[in-house]
Amino acid sequence: MSKKSLLLLISVFVAACQQQRITYPRYMTIVQTVYASGKVMADSEYTVGALISGTVIGKLVKEGDQIKKGQVIYILRHTAPAAKMEAAASALLNARENISARSRILNDLKIAEQNADLKFHNDSLLYIRYQNLWAQNIGTRVNLDNAQTQYELSYNQKQSAREKYRSTLNDLKVSMKNAESMAAGSRADLENYFIRAESSGTIYQLLKEKGEAVKMNEPVALLGRSGTRLIQLAVDQEDIRQIRAGQQVLLKTDASGEHIYQAKISRIYPMMNETDQTFRVDALFTDGADPAYLHSSVEANIIIAKKMNCLTIPLALLMTGDSIRVRQNGRIVTQPVKTGIRTTNEIEIISGASRHTAILDPFNPQ
């Protein structure tokens, strides 16, 4: 080989060595996270729907108002049910009057029963008198028979008056029960025309205006707990086993730009959404700066592991089977390592390398 060729070969070798990429492990804080997306919700958010079709004639609240449980939000046109309710209430009042101590019907029957009792008492005394006289051979058989007949008639009239009073009293009680049932039914029918809040909180959205038609079961308002926001996240099924209540969450919303919010996992739902193969996970803000905008999109990182001052290498340097390429005694060898937590860019090295280990690029080791 000529001297010129030898010099050229040495130059190529030196250039290759200069282009060789060598990385040394470094100590740093490493944070392992799980990505999740979702949206900001009002805590205990729910919609109120109409229980009957109708037309809005009253809108009694505004968006942002604080509202109490049972407070009326909308009133639908209710002329016919109101008239029905009024008639039922009048019938119930009359039924209660008929069974009260002031009842004209019962008082007349009571008087008739008392008169029948009095007549029976007198006729029974007259009959006994005629019996005594007949025993003394005084009077006639005709008078005794007439007195007996009158006694028996009075007894029947007394029993009839008593039975009529009891029967009428029972009928009036049944009528009152029926009137109460009709009044309750008409009151419930009328109540359907008043749309109320199911719990105390804030009105976040009103979906109908005065004069608009409402269909049965159609949502008309969105409500939730005042001031408290909930982050509803979707976590991939492959990551859900790493999620625990209390884990820290870092997130940002489309509405708040690059501002980072902090939260904590509050609840993990066990049922998977088969449509997108995710599990629902809820989190609550912890930094006291809940965003005001509901239903804004969220991108979140759930911190599942965090370790300070641990030895790490770029994840791109880790080869299949948890090994790295290193140069030893002038030769390039594959060296196994034991790994720990990892991020999208870094991975912890527990053993198999030190901060002085020269690691080669596995895709360009020469």
Protein backbone atom coordinates (compact mmCIF):
# COMPACT_ATOMS: atom_id res chain seq x y z
CA MET A 1 0.00 0.00 0.00
CA SER A 2 1.35 3.41 -0.89
CA LYS A 3 1.95 6.12 1.69
CA LYS A 4 -0.68 8.29 0.01
CA SER A 5 -3.34 5.54 0.32
CA LEU A 6 -2.48 4.93 3.97
CA LEU A 7 -2.90 8.60 4.83
CA LEU A 8 -6.30 8.63 3.07
CA LEU A 9 -7.51 5.58 5.09
CA ILE A 10 -6.45 7.18 8.39
CA SER A 11 -8.28 10.39 7.47
CA VAL A 12 -11.50 8.48 6.74
CA PHE A 13 -11.26 6.59 10.07
CA VAL A 14 -10.71 9.81 12.04
CA ALA A 15 -13.66 11.48 10.31
CA ALA A 16 -15.90 8.49 11.12
CA CYS A 17 -14.90 8.65 14.77
CA GLN A 18 -15.55 12.39 14.84
CA GLN A 19 -19.07 11.79 13.40
CA GLN A 20 -19.81 9.04 15.93
CA ARG A 21 -22.59 10.11 18.36
CA ILE A 22 -21.75 9.41 22.01
CA THR A 23 -24.17 10.15 24.87
CA TYR A 24 -23.52 9.93 28.59
CA PRO A 25 -26.31 9.25 31.13
CA ARG A 26 -27.26 12.17 33.35
CA TYR A 27 -29.03 12.68 36.66
CA MET A 28 -32.34 14.49 36.52
CA THR A 29 -35.91 14.49 37.85
CA ILE A 30 -38.09 12.27 35.73
CA VAL A 31 -41.88 12.39 35.62
CA GLN A 32 -43.99 9.64 34.06
CA THR A 33 -47.43 10.68 32.83
CA VAL A 34 -50.50 9.32 31.09
CA TYR A 35 -52.16 11.49 28.48
CA ALA A 36 -55.90 12.12 28.63
CA SER A 37 -58.33 14.43 26.88
CA GLY A 38 -61.72 15.70 27.94
CA LYS A 39 -63.63 18.82 28.87
CA VAL A 40 -64.44 21.11 31.79
CA MET A 41 -67.85 20.49 33.35
CA ALA A 42 -69.84 22.01 36.16
CA ASP A 43 -69.77 19.76 39.22
CA SER A 44 -73.02 17.74 39.49
CA GLU A 45 -74.03 19.10 36.07
CA TYR A 46 -77.49 18.10 34.87
CA THR A 47 -80.15 19.15 32.40
CA VAL A 48 -83.78 19.89 33.23
CA GLY A 49 -86.36 18.66 30.76
CA ALA A 50 -90.04 19.31 30.14
CA LEU A 51 -92.41 16.60 31.34
CA ILE A 52 -95.12 17.69 28.93
CA SER A 53 -95.39 19.51 25.61
CA GLY A 54 -96.44 23.14 25.68
CA THR A 55 -95.53 26.77 25.07
CA VAL A 56 -93.31 28.88 27.31
CA ILE A 57 -95.27 31.74 28.88
CA GLY A 58 -92.82 32.56 31.65
CA LYS A 59 -89.01 32.56 31.96
CA LEU A 60 -88.21 33.38 35.57
CA VAL A 61 -84.39 33.18 35.73
CA LYS A 62 -81.31 34.28 33.81
CA GLU A 63 -78.10 32.47 32.94
CA GLY A 64 -75.66 32.79 35.82
CA ASP A 65 -78.39 33.11 38.46
CA GLN A 66 -78.09 31.20 41.73
CA ILE A 67 -81.13 28.98 42.18
CA LYS A 68 -82.66 26.93 45.00
CA LYS A 69 -84.00 23.40 44.81
CA GLY A 70 -87.60 23.46 43.59
CA GLN A 71 -87.39 27.02 42.25
CA VAL A 72 -89.39 27.59 39.06
CA ILE A 73 -87.34 28.12 35.90
CA TYR A 74 -90.03 28.09 33.19
CA ILE A 75 -93.82 28.20 33.14
CA LEU A 76 -95.72 26.57 30.28
CA ARG A 77 -99.23 27.50 29.21
CA HIS A 78 -101.60 25.72 31.63
CA THR A 79 -105.12 27.07 31.16
CA ALA A 80 -106.88 23.69 30.86
CA PRO A 81 -105.05 21.91 33.70
CA ALA A 82 -105.52 24.95 35.93
CA ALA A 83 -109.27 24.80 35.36
CA LYS A 84 -109.24 21.07 36.03
CA MET A 85 -107.28 21.66 39.21
CA GLU A 86 -109.75 24.32 40.35
CA ALA A 87 -112.71 21.98 39.74
CA ALA A 88 -110.97 19.15 41.61
CA ALA A 89 -110.16 21.42 44.54
CA SER A 90 -113.80 22.58 44.69
CA ALA A 91 -115.01 18.96 44.63
CA LEU A 92 -112.60 18.06 47.43
CA LEU A 93 -113.73 21.01 49.53
CA ASN A 94 -117.36 19.96 49.08
CA ALA A 95 -116.54 16.33 49.95
CA ARG A 96 -114.77 17.41 53.14
CA GLU A 97 -117.70 19.63 54.08
CA ASN A 98 -120.13 16.71 53.57
CA ILE A 99 -118.20 14.56 56.02
CA SER A 100 -117.46 17.24 58.61
CA ALA A 101 -119.39 18.05 61.78
CA ARG A 102 -121.22 20.72 59.80
CA SER A 103 -122.47 18.27 57.17
CA ARG A 104 -126.11 18.98 56.29
CA ILE A 105 -126.56 15.51 54.80
CA LEU A 106 -125.25 13.67 57.85
CA ASN A 107 -127.02 15.96 60.33
CA ASP A 108 -130.39 15.36 58.61
CA LEU A 109 -129.81 11.60 58.71
CA LYS A 110 -128.73 11.80 62.34
CA ILE A 111 -131.91 13.66 63.24
CA ALA A 112 -133.97 11.05 61.33
CA GLU A 113 -132.16 8.30 63.26
CA GLN A 114 -132.84 10.04 66.57
CA ASN A 115 -136.54 10.47 65.68
CA ALA A 116 -136.76 6.79 64.78
CA ASP A 117 -135.14 5.89 68.12
CA LEU A 118 -137.60 8.09 69.99
CA LYS A 119 -140.63 6.66 68.16
CA PHE A 120 -139.42 3.11 68.77
CA HIS A 121 -138.99 3.88 72.48
CA ASN A 122 -142.55 5.19 72.76
CA ASP A 123 -144.05 2.34 70.72
CA SER A 124 -142.16 -0.25 72.79
CA LEU A 125 -143.56 1.27 76.02
CA LEU A 126 -147.11 1.24 74.56
CA TYR A 127 -146.73 -2.37 73.48
CA ILE A 128 -145.54 -3.40 76.96
CA ARG A 129 -148.50 -1.59 78.51
CA TYR A 130 -150.99 -3.43 76.31
CA GLN A 131 -149.27 -6.71 77.14
CA ASN A 132 -149.65 -6.02 80.85
CA LEU A 133 -153.34 -5.10 80.42
CA TRP A 134 -154.01 -8.21 78.35
CA ALA A 135 -152.41 -10.30 81.09
CA GLN A 136 -154.99 -8.79 83.50
CA ASN A 137 -157.83 -9.53 81.01
CA ILE A 138 -158.17 -5.83 80.34
CA GLY A 139 -158.53 -4.44 76.82
CA THR A 140 -158.98 -6.15 73.52
CA ARG A 141 -156.85 -8.42 71.39
CA VAL A 142 -157.11 -5.97 68.52
CA ASN A 143 -155.47 -3.21 70.54
CA LEU A 144 -152.62 -5.54 71.57
CA ASP A 145 -152.06 -6.68 67.98
CA ASN A 146 -152.01 -3.08 66.74
CA ALA A 147 -149.51 -2.10 69.45
CA GLN A 148 -147.28 -5.05 68.48
CA THR A 149 -147.45 -4.15 64.81
CA GLN A 150 -146.56 -0.53 65.54
CA TYR A 151 -143.67 -1.68 67.75
CA GLU A 152 -142.27 -3.88 64.99
CA LEU A 153 -142.64 -1.11 62.39
CA SER A 154 -140.84 1.34 64.67
CA TYR A 155 -138.04 -1.14 65.23
CA ASN A 156 -137.58 -1.62 61.46
CA GLN A 157 -137.64 2.14 60.91
CA LYS A 158 -135.03 2.60 63.63
CA GLN A 159 -132.74 0.00 62.05
CA SER A 160 -133.29 1.47 58.61
CA ALA A 161 -132.44 4.99 59.79
CA ARG A 162 -129.28 3.76 61.48
CA GLU A 163 -128.19 1.76 58.42
CA LYS A 164 -128.93 4.69 56.10
CA TYR A 165 -126.74 6.98 58.23
CA ARG A 166 -123.86 4.50 58.27
CA SER A 167 -124.17 3.76 54.55
CA THR A 168 -124.26 7.45 53.68
CA LEU A 169 -121.28 8.16 55.94
CA ASN A 170 -119.30 5.39 54.20
CA ASP A 171 -120.28 6.70 50.75
CA LEU A 172 -119.19 10.21 51.72
CA LYS A 173 -115.83 8.88 52.94
CA VAL A 174 -115.34 7.09 49.61
CA SER A 175 -116.32 10.27 47.76
CA MET A 176 -113.78 12.26 49.75
CA LYS A 177 -111.03 9.74 48.95
CA ASN A 178 -111.92 9.93 45.27
CA ALA A 179 -111.92 13.73 45.44
CA GLU A 180 -108.50 13.70 47.12
CA SER A 181 -107.18 11.38 44.43
CA MET A 182 -108.57 13.59 41.65
CA ALA A 183 -107.16 16.71 43.31
CA ALA A 184 -103.73 15.07 43.68
CA GLY A 185 -103.79 13.92 40.06
CA SER A 186 -104.84 17.31 38.72
CA ARG A 187 -102.26 19.00 40.95
CA ALA A 188 -99.55 16.69 39.55
CA ASP A 189 -100.75 17.40 36.01
CA LEU A 190 -100.61 21.13 36.68
CA GLU A 191 -97.16 20.82 38.27
CA ASN A 192 -95.82 19.43 34.98
CA TYR A 193 -96.35 22.87 33.47
CA PHE A 194 -93.91 24.40 35.98
CA ILE A 195 -90.28 23.40 35.23
CA ARG A 196 -88.24 23.50 38.44
CA ALA A 197 -84.63 23.04 39.54
CA GLU A 198 -83.91 19.61 40.97
CA SER A 199 -81.14 20.89 43.25
CA SER A 200 -79.59 24.16 44.35
CA GLY A 201 -76.85 25.61 42.16
CA THR A 202 -76.26 27.85 39.16
CA ILE A 203 -78.15 28.28 35.89
CA TYR A 204 -75.46 27.81 33.23
CA GLN A 205 -77.59 27.69 30.10
CA LEU A 206 -81.22 28.36 29.19
CA LEU A 207 -82.38 26.80 25.94
CA LYS A 208 -85.86 28.30 25.50
CA GLU A 209 -87.34 31.78 25.30
CA LYS A 210 -90.83 33.04 26.04
CA GLY A 211 -93.24 32.03 23.28
CA GLU A 212 -91.20 29.01 22.10
CA ALA A 213 -92.69 25.54 21.92
CA VAL A 214 -91.36 22.79 24.17
CA LYS A 215 -91.62 19.06 23.48
CA MET A 216 -92.02 16.38 26.13
CA ASN A 217 -88.64 15.30 27.61
CA GLU A 218 -86.86 18.08 25.72
CA PRO A 219 -83.99 19.64 27.73
CA VAL A 220 -84.60 23.30 28.50
CA ALA A 221 -81.84 24.27 30.96
CA LEU A 222 -78.36 23.25 32.12
CA LEU A 223 -77.57 23.50 35.84
CA GLY A 224 -74.80 22.51 38.22
CA ARG A 225 -73.17 23.26 41.54
CA SER A 226 -72.13 26.88 41.92
CA GLY A 227 -68.45 27.72 41.49
CA THR A 228 -67.15 24.15 41.37
CA ARG A 229 -65.68 22.77 38.16
CA LEU A 230 -65.13 19.13 37.26
CA ILE A 231 -62.67 17.84 34.65
CA GLN A 232 -64.12 14.88 32.79
CA LEU A 233 -61.30 12.93 31.16
CA ALA A 234 -61.13 9.95 28.80
CA VAL A 235 -58.23 7.56 29.54
CA ASP A 236 -57.22 4.84 27.09
CA GLN A 237 -57.94 1.29 28.25
CA GLU A 238 -54.23 0.43 28.05
CA ASP A 239 -53.42 3.15 30.61
CA ILE A 240 -56.35 2.93 33.01
CA ARG A 241 -54.67 0.36 35.30
CA GLN A 242 -52.02 2.99 36.18
CA ILE A 243 -54.56 5.60 37.30
CA ARG A 244 -55.32 6.07 41.00
CA ALA A 245 -57.48 8.52 42.96
CA GLY A 246 -55.39 11.43 44.28
CA GLN A 247 -52.87 11.49 41.41
CA GLN A 248 -51.83 14.95 40.26
CA VAL A 249 -53.04 16.24 36.90
CA LEU A 250 -51.53 19.03 34.80
CA LEU A 251 -53.80 20.38 32.10
CA LYS A 252 -54.61 23.22 29.79
CA THR A 253 -57.81 24.20 28.03
CA ASP A 254 -58.48 25.62 24.59
CA ALA A 255 -60.19 28.62 26.18
CA SER A 256 -57.27 29.53 28.47
CA GLY A 257 -54.38 29.20 26.04
CA GLU A 258 -51.05 27.97 27.45
CA HIS A 259 -51.94 28.46 31.11
CA ILE A 260 -51.32 25.24 33.06
CA TYR A 261 -53.89 24.23 35.69
CA GLN A 262 -53.41 21.71 38.46
CA ALA A 263 -55.95 19.11 39.55
CA LYS A 264 -56.27 15.75 41.30
CA ILE A 265 -58.02 12.56 40.26
CA SER A 266 -61.25 12.29 42.26
CA ARG A 267 -63.08 9.36 40.70
CA ILE A 268 -62.46 6.47 38.29
CA TYR A 269 -65.44 4.89 36.55
CA PRO A 270 -65.29 1.10 36.03
CA MET A 271 -67.32 0.91 32.80
CA MET A 272 -65.48 1.25 29.49
CA ASN A 273 -66.90 3.34 26.67
CA GLU A 274 -66.99 0.76 23.88
CA THR A 275 -67.16 3.44 21.18
CA ASP A 276 -63.66 4.81 21.76
CA GLN A 277 -62.23 2.16 24.14
CA THR A 278 -61.69 4.65 26.97
CA PHE A 279 -62.60 4.93 30.63
CA ARG A 280 -64.07 8.02 32.25
CA VAL A 281 -61.93 9.62 34.95
CA ASP A 282 -62.95 12.74 36.90
CA ALA A 283 -60.57 15.29 38.43
CA LEU A 284 -61.05 18.42 40.56
CA PHE A 285 -59.01 21.64 40.30
CA THR A 286 -56.65 22.18 43.23
CA ASP A 287 -55.03 25.56 42.60
CA GLY A 288 -58.16 27.64 43.27
CA ALA A 289 -58.21 29.07 39.74
CA ASP A 290 -60.94 27.05 38.08
CA PRO A 291 -61.55 28.25 34.52
CA ALA A 292 -64.91 29.94 34.04
CA TYR A 293 -65.66 28.41 30.66
CA LEU A 294 -67.69 25.24 30.73
CA HIS A 295 -67.37 22.46 28.14
CA SER A 296 -64.02 23.82 26.89
CA SER A 297 -61.71 21.09 25.58
CA VAL A 298 -58.92 19.84 27.83
CA GLU A 299 -55.56 18.17 27.26
CA ALA A 300 -54.13 16.65 30.42
CA ASN A 301 -51.14 14.74 31.71
CA ILE A 302 -51.82 12.53 34.73
CA ILE A 303 -48.64 12.09 36.80
CA ILE A 304 -48.38 8.40 37.66
CA ALA A 305 -44.73 8.40 38.83
CA LYS A 306 -42.11 11.00 39.78
CA LYS A 307 -38.49 10.43 40.83
CA MET A 308 -35.81 12.98 41.62
CA ASN A 309 -32.08 12.70 40.93
CA CYS A 310 -32.30 9.48 38.95
CA LEU A 311 -29.93 8.33 36.21
CA THR A 312 -31.54 8.69 32.78
CA ILE A 313 -30.78 8.33 29.09
CA PRO A 314 -32.74 9.42 26.03
CA LEU A 315 -35.37 6.82 25.23
CA ALA A 316 -34.13 6.69 21.63
CA LEU A 317 -30.89 5.06 22.83
CA LEU A 318 -32.66 2.08 24.40
CA MET A 319 -32.68 -1.00 22.19
CA THR A 320 -35.12 -3.89 22.07
CA GLY A 321 -34.86 -6.08 25.16
CA ASP A 322 -33.68 -3.17 27.35
CA SER A 323 -30.08 -2.93 26.15
CA ILE A 324 -27.67 -0.25 24.95
CA ARG A 325 -24.70 -0.08 22.55
CA VAL A 326 -21.38 0.83 24.22
CA ARG A 327 -17.69 0.79 23.22
CA GLN A 328 -15.50 -1.47 25.36
CA ASN A 329 -11.78 -2.05 24.72
CA GLY A 330 -12.08 -0.72 21.22
CA ARG A 331 -15.07 -2.91 20.39
CA ILE A 332 -18.81 -2.07 20.16
CA VAL A 333 -20.92 -4.38 22.35
CA THR A 334 -24.54 -4.69 23.38
CA GLN A 335 -24.98 -4.26 27.13
CA PRO A 336 -28.20 -5.13 29.01
CA VAL A 337 -29.63 -2.58 31.47
CA LYS A 338 -32.37 -2.54 34.05
CA THR A 339 -34.86 0.27 33.47
CA GLY A 340 -37.36 2.12 35.63
CA ILE A 341 -39.93 4.79 34.89
CA ARG A 342 -40.05 6.35 31.46
CA THR A 343 -41.45 9.40 29.71
CA THR A 344 -41.95 10.10 26.05
CA ASN A 345 -38.29 11.21 25.80
CA GLU A 346 -36.33 9.83 28.77
CA ILE A 347 -35.98 6.52 30.63
CA GLU A 348 -34.51 5.73 34.03
CA ILE A 349 -31.48 3.40 34.20
CA ILE A 350 -31.45 1.44 37.47
CA SER A 351 -28.39 -0.70 36.70
CA GLY A 352 -26.12 -1.68 33.81
CA ALA A 353 -24.70 1.81 33.16
CA SER A 354 -23.22 4.76 35.03
CA ARG A 355 -22.92 8.46 34.34
CA HIS A 356 -19.51 7.69 32.72
CA THR A 357 -20.84 5.06 30.29
CA ALA A 358 -20.39 6.16 26.67
CA ILE A 359 -23.51 5.12 24.85
CA LEU A 360 -23.57 4.92 21.07
CA ASP A 361 -26.46 5.65 18.79
CA PRO A 362 -27.99 2.19 18.09
CA PHE A 363 -28.85 3.24 14.54
CA ASN A 364 -25.38 4.59 13.80
CA PRO A 365 -22.92 2.70 16.08
CA GLN A 366 -19.90 2.89 13.76
